[in-house]
C-alpha atoms as a PDB file:
ATOM      1  CA  UNK A   1      23.757  20.357 -23.091  1.00  0.00           C
ATOM      2  CA  UNK A   2      20.643  20.890 -25.204  1.00  0.00           C
ATOM      3  CA  UNK A   3      17.749  18.629 -24.039  1.00  0.00           C
ATOM      4  CA  UNK A   4      17.282  17.226 -27.538  1.00  0.00           C
ATOM      5  CA  UNK A   5      20.951  16.219 -27.691  1.00  0.00           C
ATOM      6  CA  UNK A   6      20.549  14.425 -24.348  1.00  0.00           C
ATOM      7  CA  UNK A   7      17.595  12.460 -25.745  1.00  0.00           C
ATOM      8  CA  UNK A   8      19.509  11.599 -28.886  1.00  0.00           C
ATOM      9  CA  UNK A   9      22.510  10.474 -26.867  1.00  0.00           C
ATOM     10  CA  UNK A  10      20.378   8.195 -24.707  1.00  0.00           C
ATOM     11  CA  UNK A  11      18.472   6.900 -27.735  1.00  0.00           C
ATOM     12  CA  UNK A  12      21.678   6.074 -29.604  1.00  0.00           C
ATOM     13  CA  UNK A  13      22.995   4.108 -26.624  1.00  0.00           C
ATOM     14  CA  UNK A  14      19.737   2.169 -26.299  1.00  0.00           C
ATOM     15  CA  UNK A  15      19.789   1.406 -30.030  1.00  0.00           C
ATOM     16  CA  UNK A  16      23.406   0.214 -29.789  1.00  0.00           C
ATOM     17  CA  UNK A  17      22.571  -2.137 -26.942  1.00  0.00           C
ATOM     18  CA  UNK A  18      19.530  -3.552 -28.753  1.00  0.00           C
ATOM     19  CA  UNK A  19      21.563  -4.173 -31.923  1.00  0.00           C
ATOM     20  CA  UNK A  20      24.371  -5.842 -29.967  1.00  0.00           C
ATOM     21  CA  UNK A  21      21.852  -8.135 -28.272  1.00  0.00           C
ATOM     22  CA  UNK A  22      20.238  -9.056 -31.608  1.00  0.00           C
ATOM     23  CA  UNK A  23      16.761  -8.094 -30.352  1.00  0.00           C
ATOM     24  CA  UNK A  24      14.268  -6.709 -32.878  1.00  0.00           C
ATOM     25  CA  UNK A  25      12.357  -3.523 -32.179  1.00  0.00           C
ATOM     26  CA  UNK A  26       9.101  -5.487 -32.189  1.00  0.00           C
ATOM     27  CA  UNK A  27      10.354  -8.041 -29.640  1.00  0.00           C
ATOM     28  CA  UNK A  28      11.805  -5.335 -27.404  1.00  0.00           C
ATOM     29  CA  UNK A  29       8.546  -3.395 -27.499  1.00  0.00           C
ATOM     30  CA  UNK A  30       6.618  -6.471 -26.375  1.00  0.00           C
ATOM     31  CA  UNK A  31       9.039  -7.175 -23.548  1.00  0.00           C
ATOM     32  CA  UNK A  32       8.895  -3.689 -22.020  1.00  0.00           C
ATOM     33  CA  UNK A  33       5.241  -2.963 -22.793  1.00  0.00           C
ATOM     34  CA  UNK A  34       5.370  -0.135 -25.327  1.00  0.00           C
ATOM     35  CA  UNK A  35       4.639   0.113 -29.050  1.00  0.00           C
ATOM     36  CA  UNK A  36       7.200  -0.615 -31.723  1.00  0.00           C
ATOM     37  CA  UNK A  37       6.767   2.917 -33.041  1.00  0.00           C
ATOM     38  CA  UNK A  38       7.736   4.325 -29.660  1.00  0.00           C
ATOM     39  CA  UNK A  39      10.860   2.175 -29.643  1.00  0.00           C
ATOM     40  CA  UNK A  40      11.793   3.818 -32.962  1.00  0.00           C
ATOM     41  CA  UNK A  41      11.065   7.308 -31.621  1.00  0.00           C
ATOM     42  CA  UNK A  42      13.126   6.671 -28.483  1.00  0.00           C
ATOM     43  CA  UNK A  43      16.100   5.475 -30.518  1.00  0.00           C
ATOM     44  CA  UNK A  44      15.813   8.545 -32.753  1.00  0.00           C
ATOM     45  CA  UNK A  45      15.699  10.888 -29.775  1.00  0.00           C
ATOM     46  CA  UNK A  46      12.140  11.965 -30.632  1.00  0.00           C
ATOM     47  CA  UNK A  47      10.566  10.445 -27.493  1.00  0.00           C
ATOM     48  CA  UNK A  48      11.820  10.150 -23.928  1.00  0.00           C
ATOM     49  CA  UNK A  49      11.382   6.817 -22.106  1.00  0.00           C
ATOM     50  CA  UNK A  50      10.643   6.745 -18.406  1.00  0.00           C
ATOM     51  CA  UNK A  51      13.315   5.579 -15.999  1.00  0.00           C
ATOM     52  CA  UNK A  52      11.489   2.276 -15.480  1.00  0.00           C
ATOM     53  CA  UNK A  53      11.291   1.745 -19.248  1.00  0.00           C
ATOM     54  CA  UNK A  54      15.033   2.342 -19.600  1.00  0.00           C
ATOM     55  CA  UNK A  55      15.746  -0.199 -16.865  1.00  0.00           C
ATOM     56  CA  UNK A  56      13.363  -2.691 -18.500  1.00  0.00           C
ATOM     57  CA  UNK A  57      15.162  -2.088 -21.793  1.00  0.00           C
ATOM     58  CA  UNK A  58      18.497  -2.814 -20.117  1.00  0.00           C
ATOM     59  CA  UNK A  59      17.075  -6.034 -18.684  1.00  0.00           C
ATOM     60  CA  UNK A  60      15.692  -7.097 -22.069  1.00  0.00           C
ATOM     61  CA  UNK A  61      19.097  -6.752 -23.742  1.00  0.00           C
ATOM     62  CA  UNK A  62      20.929  -8.231 -20.736  1.00  0.00           C
ATOM     63  CA  UNK A  63      23.071  -5.117 -20.257  1.00  0.00           C
ATOM     64  CA  UNK A  64      25.893  -5.443 -17.687  1.00  0.00           C
ATOM     65  CA  UNK A  65      25.692  -3.558 -14.372  1.00  0.00           C
ATOM     66  CA  UNK A  66      28.118  -0.795 -15.350  1.00  0.00           C
ATOM     67  CA  UNK A  67      26.139  -0.106 -18.542  1.00  0.00           C
ATOM     68  CA  UNK A  68      22.927   0.089 -16.530  1.00  0.00           C
ATOM     69  CA  UNK A  69      24.539   2.706 -14.310  1.00  0.00           C
ATOM     70  CA  UNK A  70      25.472   4.731 -17.383  1.00  0.00           C
ATOM     71  CA  UNK A  71      21.909   4.463 -18.691  1.00  0.00           C
ATOM     72  CA  UNK A  72      20.546   5.596 -15.329  1.00  0.00           C
ATOM     73  CA  UNK A  73      22.821   8.654 -15.389  1.00  0.00           C
ATOM     74  CA  UNK A  74      21.894   9.511 -18.987  1.00  0.00           C
ATOM     75  CA  UNK A  75      18.195   9.193 -18.199  1.00  0.00           C
ATOM     76  CA  UNK A  76      18.423  11.404 -15.113  1.00  0.00           C
ATOM     77  CA  UNK A  77      20.369  14.022 -17.076  1.00  0.00           C
ATOM     78  CA  UNK A  78      17.756  14.011 -19.829  1.00  0.00           C
ATOM     79  CA  UNK A  79      14.947  14.534 -17.316  1.00  0.00           C
ATOM     80  CA  UNK A  80      16.613  17.384 -15.405  1.00  0.00           C
ATOM     81  CA  UNK A  81      17.916  20.501 -17.136  1.00  0.00           C
ATOM     82  CA  UNK A  82      20.259  22.757 -15.162  1.00  0.00           C
ATOM     83  CA  UNK A  83      21.081  26.277 -16.323  1.00  0.00           C
ATOM     84  CA  UNK A  84      23.038  28.709 -14.172  1.00  0.00           C
ATOM     85  CA  UNK A  85      21.618  32.206 -13.856  1.00  0.00           C
ATOM     86  CA  UNK A  86      24.793  33.751 -15.256  1.00  0.00           C
ATOM     87  CA  UNK A  87      24.638  31.555 -18.344  1.00  0.00           C
ATOM     88  CA  UNK A  88      20.903  32.120 -18.789  1.00  0.00           C
ATOM     89  CA  UNK A  89      21.243  35.906 -18.591  1.00  0.00           C
ATOM     90  CA  UNK A  90      24.417  36.165 -20.645  1.00  0.00           C
ATOM     91  CA  UNK A  91      22.708  37.186 -23.880  1.00  0.00           C
ATOM     92  CA  UNK A  92      19.318  38.460 -22.686  1.00  0.00           C
ATOM     93  CA  UNK A  93      18.102  41.013 -20.138  1.00  0.00           C
ATOM     94  CA  UNK A  94      15.727  38.691 -18.260  1.00  0.00           C
ATOM     95  CA  UNK A  95      13.954  35.321 -18.337  1.00  0.00           C
ATOM     96  CA  UNK A  96      10.332  36.453 -18.074  1.00  0.00           C
ATOM     97  CA  UNK A  97       9.659  35.428 -21.674  1.00  0.00           C
ATOM     98  CA  UNK A  98      10.790  31.838 -21.072  1.00  0.00           C
ATOM     99  CA  UNK A  99       8.599  31.588 -17.968  1.00  0.00           C
ATOM    100  CA  UNK A 100       5.648  33.105 -19.805  1.00  0.00           C
ATOM    101  CA  UNK A 101       6.028  30.507 -22.557  1.00  0.00           C
ATOM    102  CA  UNK A 102       5.637  27.729 -19.975  1.00  0.00           C
ATOM    103  CA  UNK A 103       2.608  29.506 -18.476  1.00  0.00           C
ATOM    104  CA  UNK A 104       0.931  29.920 -21.864  1.00  0.00           C
ATOM    105  CA  UNK A 105       1.378  26.230 -22.659  1.00  0.00           C
ATOM    106  CA  UNK A 106      -0.114  25.015 -19.373  1.00  0.00           C
ATOM    107  CA  UNK A 107      -3.734  24.571 -18.338  1.00  0.00           C
ATOM    108  CA  UNK A 108      -2.939  24.269 -14.620  1.00  0.00           C
ATOM    109  CA  UNK A 109      -0.099  26.088 -12.846  1.00  0.00           C
ATOM    110  CA  UNK A 110       0.674  25.185  -9.238  1.00  0.00           C
ATOM    111  CA  UNK A 111       3.125  27.317  -7.253  1.00  0.00           C
ATOM    112  CA  UNK A 112       4.524  26.589  -3.800  1.00  0.00           C
ATOM    113  CA  UNK A 113       6.482  29.402  -2.199  1.00  0.00           C
ATOM    114  CA  UNK A 114       7.944  29.263   1.338  1.00  0.00           C
ATOM    115  CA  UNK A 115      10.116  32.386   1.110  1.00  0.00           C
ATOM    116  CA  UNK A 116       8.320  35.247  -0.669  1.00  0.00           C
ATOM    117  CA  UNK A 117       5.079  36.094  -2.465  1.00  0.00           C
ATOM    118  CA  UNK A 118       4.886  34.296  -5.850  1.00  0.00           C
ATOM    119  CA  UNK A 119       5.692  36.481  -8.851  1.00  0.00           C
ATOM    120  CA  UNK A 120       2.223  36.232 -10.408  1.00  0.00           C
ATOM    121  CA  UNK A 121       0.713  37.746  -7.252  1.00  0.00           C
ATOM    122  CA  UNK A 122       3.244  40.503  -6.585  1.00  0.00           C
ATOM    123  CA  UNK A 123       2.407  44.210  -6.669  1.00  0.00           C
ATOM    124  CA  UNK A 124       4.567  46.434  -8.868  1.00  0.00           C
ATOM    125  CA  UNK A 125       6.443  47.862  -5.872  1.00  0.00           C
ATOM    126  CA  UNK A 126       7.028  44.389  -4.418  1.00  0.00           C
ATOM    127  CA  UNK A 127       8.396  43.218  -7.791  1.00  0.00           C
ATOM    128  CA  UNK A 128      10.736  46.192  -7.962  1.00  0.00           C
ATOM    129  CA  UNK A 129      12.111  45.552  -4.470  1.00  0.00           C
ATOM    130  CA  UNK A 130      12.620  41.830  -5.140  1.00  0.00           C
ATOM    131  CA  UNK A 131      14.448  42.499  -8.408  1.00  0.00           C
ATOM    132  CA  UNK A 132      16.977  44.730  -6.631  1.00  0.00           C
ATOM    133  CA  UNK A 133      17.837  41.757  -4.374  1.00  0.00           C
ATOM    134  CA  UNK A 134      18.365  39.295  -7.233  1.00  0.00           C
ATOM    135  CA  UNK A 135      21.879  37.877  -7.704  1.00  0.00           C
ATOM    136  CA  UNK A 136      23.483  38.370 -10.148  1.00  0.00           C
ATOM    137  CA  UNK A 137      21.802  41.771 -10.090  1.00  0.00           C
ATOM    138  CA  UNK A 138      20.061  43.591 -12.914  1.00  0.00           C
ATOM    139  CA  UNK A 139      21.574  46.776 -14.293  1.00  0.00           C
ATOM    140  CA  UNK A 140      19.676  49.881 -13.181  1.00  0.00           C
ATOM    141  CA  UNK A 141      18.607  50.707 -16.740  1.00  0.00           C
ATOM    142  CA  UNK A 142      17.156  47.179 -17.184  1.00  0.00           C
ATOM    143  CA  UNK A 143      14.918  47.116 -14.106  1.00  0.00           C
ATOM    144  CA  UNK A 144      11.978  48.849 -15.805  1.00  0.00           C
ATOM    145  CA  UNK A 145      12.040  46.318 -18.651  1.00  0.00           C
ATOM    146  CA  UNK A 146      12.082  43.343 -16.302  1.00  0.00           C
ATOM    147  CA  UNK A 147       9.355  44.887 -14.128  1.00  0.00           C
ATOM    148  CA  UNK A 148       7.089  45.433 -17.149  1.00  0.00           C
ATOM    149  CA  UNK A 149       7.654  41.857 -18.335  1.00  0.00           C
ATOM    150  CA  UNK A 150       6.822  40.432 -14.881  1.00  0.00           C
ATOM    151  CA  UNK A 151       3.605  42.460 -14.680  1.00  0.00           C
ATOM    152  CA  UNK A 152       2.658  41.422 -18.231  1.00  0.00           C
ATOM    153  CA  UNK A 153       2.772  37.772 -17.122  1.00  0.00           C
ATOM    154  CA  UNK A 154       0.154  38.528 -14.478  1.00  0.00           C
ATOM    155  CA  UNK A 155      -2.513  39.147 -17.142  1.00  0.00           C
ATOM    156  CA  UNK A 156      -2.771  35.362 -17.492  1.00  0.00           C
ATOM    157  CA  UNK A 157      -4.528  35.257 -14.106  1.00  0.00           C
ATOM    158  CA  UNK A 158      -7.626  36.650 -15.805  1.00  0.00           C
ATOM    159  CA  UNK A 159      -7.696  33.894 -18.438  1.00  0.00           C
ATOM    160  CA  UNK A 160     -10.527  31.669 -17.214  1.00  0.00           C
ATOM    161  CA  UNK A 161      -9.327  28.832 -19.446  1.00  0.00           C
ATOM    162  CA  UNK A 162      -6.409  28.404 -17.049  1.00  0.00           C
ATOM    163  CA  UNK A 163      -6.305  27.298 -13.430  1.00  0.00           C
ATOM    164  CA  UNK A 164      -3.837  28.828 -10.971  1.00  0.00           C
ATOM    165  CA  UNK A 165      -3.168  27.301  -7.559  1.00  0.00           C
ATOM    166  CA  UNK A 166      -0.848  28.806  -4.951  1.00  0.00           C
ATOM    167  CA  UNK A 167       0.403  27.547  -1.612  1.00  0.00           C
ATOM    168  CA  UNK A 168       2.205  30.234   0.411  1.00  0.00           C
ATOM    169  CA  UNK A 169       3.669  29.944   3.901  1.00  0.00           C
ATOM    170  CA  UNK A 170       3.083  32.538   6.601  1.00  0.00           C
ATOM    171  CA  UNK A 171       6.831  33.175   6.628  1.00  0.00           C
ATOM    172  CA  UNK A 172       6.635  34.207   2.956  1.00  0.00           C
ATOM    173  CA  UNK A 173       3.696  36.510   3.698  1.00  0.00           C
ATOM    174  CA  UNK A 174       5.588  38.228   6.504  1.00  0.00           C
ATOM    175  CA  UNK A 175       8.906  38.600   4.644  1.00  0.00           C
ATOM    176  CA  UNK A 176       9.461  42.317   4.053  1.00  0.00           C
ATOM    177  CA  UNK A 177      11.437  43.514   1.030  1.00  0.00           C
ATOM    178  CA  UNK A 178      10.373  47.058   2.002  1.00  0.00           C
ATOM    179  CA  UNK A 179       8.445  49.131   4.555  1.00  0.00           C
ATOM    180  CA  UNK A 180       5.209  47.935   6.227  1.00  0.00           C
ATOM    181  CA  UNK A 181       3.004  49.873   3.776  1.00  0.00           C
ATOM    182  CA  UNK A 182       4.460  47.818   0.902  1.00  0.00           C
ATOM    183  CA  UNK A 183       3.610  44.559   2.625  1.00  0.00           C
ATOM    184  CA  UNK A 184       0.116  45.741   3.559  1.00  0.00           C
ATOM    185  CA  UNK A 185      -0.607  46.567  -0.083  1.00  0.00           C
ATOM    186  CA  UNK A 186       0.756  43.175  -1.094  1.00  0.00           C
ATOM    187  CA  UNK A 187      -1.493  41.315   1.340  1.00  0.00           C
ATOM    188  CA  UNK A 188      -4.507  43.279   0.065  1.00  0.00           C
ATOM    189  CA  UNK A 189      -3.683  42.219  -3.486  1.00  0.00           C
ATOM    190  CA  UNK A 190      -3.464  38.550  -2.505  1.00  0.00           C
ATOM    191  CA  UNK A 191      -6.860  38.773  -0.813  1.00  0.00           C
ATOM    192  CA  UNK A 192      -8.353  40.400  -3.915  1.00  0.00           C
ATOM    193  CA  UNK A 193      -6.931  37.850  -6.355  1.00  0.00           C
ATOM    194  CA  UNK A 194      -8.145  34.986  -4.161  1.00  0.00           C
ATOM    195  CA  UNK A 195     -11.714  35.845  -5.184  1.00  0.00           C
ATOM    196  CA  UNK A 196     -11.098  34.988  -8.856  1.00  0.00           C
ATOM    197  CA  UNK A 197     -12.913  31.809  -9.900  1.00  0.00           C
ATOM    198  CA  UNK A 198      -9.848  30.261 -11.556  1.00  0.00           C
ATOM    199  CA  UNK A 199      -7.419  31.167  -8.762  1.00  0.00           C
ATOM    200  CA  UNK A 200      -6.943  29.144  -5.570  1.00  0.00           C
ATOM    201  CA  UNK A 201      -4.718  30.570  -2.827  1.00  0.00           C
ATOM    202  CA  UNK A 202      -3.873  28.413   0.158  1.00  0.00           C
ATOM    203  CA  UNK A 203      -1.965  29.845   3.116  1.00  0.00           C
ATOM    204  CA  UNK A 204       0.085  27.721   5.513  1.00  0.00           C
ATOM    205  CA  UNK A 205       0.163  29.191   9.056  1.00  0.00           C
ATOM    206  CA  UNK A 206       3.350  28.769  11.072  1.00  0.00           C
ATOM    207  CA  UNK A 207       1.436  27.139  13.940  1.00  0.00           C
ATOM    208  CA  UNK A 208      -0.012  24.399  11.720  1.00  0.00           C
ATOM    209  CA  UNK A 209       1.266  20.935  12.577  1.00  0.00           C
ATOM    210  CA  UNK A 210       3.606  19.876   9.769  1.00  0.00           C
ATOM    211  CA  UNK A 211       2.826  16.785   7.706  1.00  0.00           C
ATOM    212  CA  UNK A 212       5.785  17.288   5.366  1.00  0.00           C
ATOM    213  CA  UNK A 213       8.917  19.421   5.069  1.00  0.00           C
ATOM    214  CA  UNK A 214       9.098  22.646   3.057  1.00  0.00           C
ATOM    215  CA  UNK A 215      12.548  22.509   1.496  1.00  0.00           C
ATOM    216  CA  UNK A 216      12.254  24.945  -1.421  1.00  0.00           C
ATOM    217  CA  UNK A 217       9.883  26.647  -3.819  1.00  0.00           C
ATOM    218  CA  UNK A 218       8.690  24.967  -6.998  1.00  0.00           C
ATOM    219  CA  UNK A 219       6.207  25.508  -9.830  1.00  0.00           C
ATOM    220  CA  UNK A 220       4.333  22.763 -11.698  1.00  0.00           C
ATOM    221  CA  UNK A 221       3.112  23.463 -15.230  1.00  0.00           C
ATOM    222  CA  UNK A 222       0.497  20.933 -16.356  1.00  0.00           C
ATOM    223  CA  UNK A 223      -1.291  20.414 -19.663  1.00  0.00           C
ATOM    224  CA  UNK A 224      -4.515  18.474 -20.121  1.00  0.00           C
ATOM    225  CA  UNK A 225      -2.634  15.423 -21.416  1.00  0.00           C
ATOM    226  CA  UNK A 226      -5.244  14.856 -24.104  1.00  0.00           C
ATOM    227  CA  UNK A 227      -3.230  12.363 -26.146  1.00  0.00           C
ATOM    228  CA  UNK A 228      -4.498   9.368 -28.088  1.00  0.00           C
ATOM    229  CA  UNK A 229      -3.086   6.357 -29.913  1.00  0.00           C
ATOM    230  CA  UNK A 230       0.682   5.925 -29.755  1.00  0.00           C
ATOM    231  CA  UNK A 231       0.991   9.517 -28.573  1.00  0.00           C
ATOM    232  CA  UNK A 232      -0.715   8.438 -25.346  1.00  0.00           C
ATOM    233  CA  UNK A 233       2.525   6.703 -24.382  1.00  0.00           C
ATOM    234  CA  UNK A 234       4.302  10.058 -24.416  1.00  0.00           C
ATOM    235  CA  UNK A 235       1.736  11.632 -22.111  1.00  0.00           C
ATOM    236  CA  UNK A 236       3.793  10.793 -19.013  1.00  0.00           C
ATOM    237  CA  UNK A 237       6.765  12.886 -20.027  1.00  0.00           C
ATOM    238  CA  UNK A 238       4.932  15.703 -21.812  1.00  0.00           C
ATOM    239  CA  UNK A 239       1.972  16.560 -19.567  1.00  0.00           C
ATOM    240  CA  UNK A 240       3.915  18.222 -16.734  1.00  0.00           C
ATOM    241  CA  UNK A 241       7.087  20.195 -16.121  1.00  0.00           C
ATOM    242  CA  UNK A 242       8.435  21.413 -12.772  1.00  0.00           C
ATOM    243  CA  UNK A 243      10.794  24.344 -12.312  1.00  0.00           C
ATOM    244  CA  UNK A 244      12.936  24.849  -9.205  1.00  0.00           C
ATOM    245  CA  UNK A 245      14.920  28.035  -8.603  1.00  0.00           C
ATOM    246  CA  UNK A 246      18.118  27.544  -6.613  1.00  0.00           C
ATOM    247  CA  UNK A 247      20.692  30.126  -5.619  1.00  0.00           C
ATOM    248  CA  UNK A 248      22.996  29.381  -8.533  1.00  0.00           C
ATOM    249  CA  UNK A 249      20.737  27.880 -11.202  1.00  0.00           C
ATOM    250  CA  UNK A 250      17.276  27.091 -12.512  1.00  0.00           C
ATOM    251  CA  UNK A 251      16.247  23.419 -12.696  1.00  0.00           C
ATOM    252  CA  UNK A 252      13.666  22.089 -15.152  1.00  0.00           C
ATOM    253  CA  UNK A 253      12.364  18.666 -14.134  1.00  0.00           C
ATOM    254  CA  UNK A 254      10.507  16.342 -16.510  1.00  0.00           C
ATOM    255  CA  UNK A 255       9.379  12.712 -16.516  1.00  0.00           C
ATOM    256  CA  UNK A 256       6.462  11.143 -14.675  1.00  0.00           C
ATOM    257  CA  UNK A 257       8.560   9.496 -11.982  1.00  0.00           C
ATOM    258  CA  UNK A 258      10.334  12.719 -11.013  1.00  0.00           C
ATOM    259  CA  UNK A 259       7.297  14.975 -11.389  1.00  0.00           C
ATOM    260  CA  UNK A 260       5.200  12.619  -9.235  1.00  0.00           C
ATOM    261  CA  UNK A 261       7.460  13.436  -6.276  1.00  0.00           C
ATOM    262  CA  UNK A 262       6.412  17.078  -6.571  1.00  0.00           C
ATOM    263  CA  UNK A 263       2.744  16.093  -6.904  1.00  0.00           C
ATOM    264  CA  UNK A 264       3.009  14.101  -3.691  1.00  0.00           C
ATOM    265  CA  UNK A 265       4.702  16.995  -1.895  1.00  0.00           C
ATOM    266  CA  UNK A 266       2.020  19.399  -3.178  1.00  0.00           C
ATOM    267  CA  UNK A 267      -0.746  17.130  -1.847  1.00  0.00           C
ATOM    268  CA  UNK A 268       0.858  17.028   1.603  1.00  0.00           C
ATOM    269  CA  UNK A 269       1.475  20.784   1.695  1.00  0.00           C
ATOM    270  CA  UNK A 270      -2.131  21.438   0.691  1.00  0.00           C
ATOM    271  CA  UNK A 271      -3.335  19.548   3.758  1.00  0.00           C
ATOM    272  CA  UNK A 272      -1.613  22.192   5.898  1.00  0.00           C
ATOM    273  CA  UNK A 273      -3.233  25.200   4.196  1.00  0.00           C
ATOM    274  CA  UNK A 274      -6.328  27.332   4.784  1.00  0.00           C
ATOM    275  CA  UNK A 275      -8.386  28.619   1.849  1.00  0.00           C
ATOM    276  CA  UNK A 276     -11.118  31.065   0.790  1.00  0.00           C
ATOM    277  CA  UNK A 277     -12.734  33.061   3.631  1.00  0.00           C
ATOM    278  CA  UNK A 278     -10.481  31.444   6.229  1.00  0.00           C
ATOM    279  CA  UNK A 279      -7.423  32.479   4.202  1.00  0.00           C
ATOM    280  CA  UNK A 280      -8.682  36.045   3.790  1.00  0.00           C
ATOM    281  CA  UNK A 281      -9.321  36.259   7.528  1.00  0.00           C
ATOM    282  CA  UNK A 282      -5.790  35.026   8.111  1.00  0.00           C
ATOM    283  CA  UNK A 283      -4.418  37.731   5.780  1.00  0.00           C
ATOM    284  CA  UNK A 284      -6.416  40.330   7.700  1.00  0.00           C
ATOM    285  CA  UNK A 285      -4.928  39.114  10.994  1.00  0.00           C
ATOM    286  CA  UNK A 286      -1.389  39.420   9.618  1.00  0.00           C
ATOM    287  CA  UNK A 287      -2.173  42.928   8.362  1.00  0.00           C
ATOM    288  CA  UNK A 288      -3.456  43.905  11.792  1.00  0.00           C
ATOM    289  CA  UNK A 289      -0.226  42.772  13.466  1.00  0.00           C
ATOM    290  CA  UNK A 290       1.856  44.652  10.896  1.00  0.00           C
ATOM    291  CA  UNK A 291      -0.111  47.868  11.495  1.00  0.00           C
ATOM    292  CA  UNK A 292       0.437  47.384  15.221  1.00  0.00           C
ATOM    293  CA  UNK A 293       4.166  47.138  14.626  1.00  0.00           C
ATOM    294  CA  UNK A 294       4.295  43.332  14.986  1.00  0.00           C
END
């Protein structure tokens, strides 16, 4: 379902409950701590309330327990978009344009990758090898187009108005989608890009004591959140988006309460990483073992 339709559906239900309870928009706004104008935008589907605001709304209109469960489900659905890869690729050759749109709209992009080198850091040969492993696979005559689009995204790394942060596990650095020479070139590229002023690359060695689990990759796209006035209330839901790639689908996560879980995980993962000269030394050590056949 389209995200806007989800918002409208939730907003219509909240409006129905408020009307049934005989509570004015002004009184409701005071009870849950938001402006009256935001109440109107929520009910019109133009603004997305946080989960806590929805629950406070339900309390203010004395909604029964089963209705509160429905509201919780609607809110969660509105904050998490799920699109299967087959559906996403049905009418287009690739999704690089959609990802690039998120990257262009963000000031800070944080990528955690436990399985392979992040796309923005990949060499052309590494990209090509990874694309051949993608399921559902790309047609042979489409690979060049997807490869070019992926490499075009990498130009953003040289935009000093943006900040890129990467956390990569040693397992991802050692994963080989091709011969040793391919991986050696890839490690050299990571070391080179780590010297850019607006790029931070943290590496997580396998022998580091864990302070959190590393379940899956994710990317956080953050804006500067420079809102003011009533728009400041929308900052929570609009200043960050998280994407999670699963085997069958891509997830887009929004909302401060959900996104904060990824921020907390990022903070813990960062404590396990090495950076700058220590990271480049670590890359050199991995390269040495690869050359030695390790």
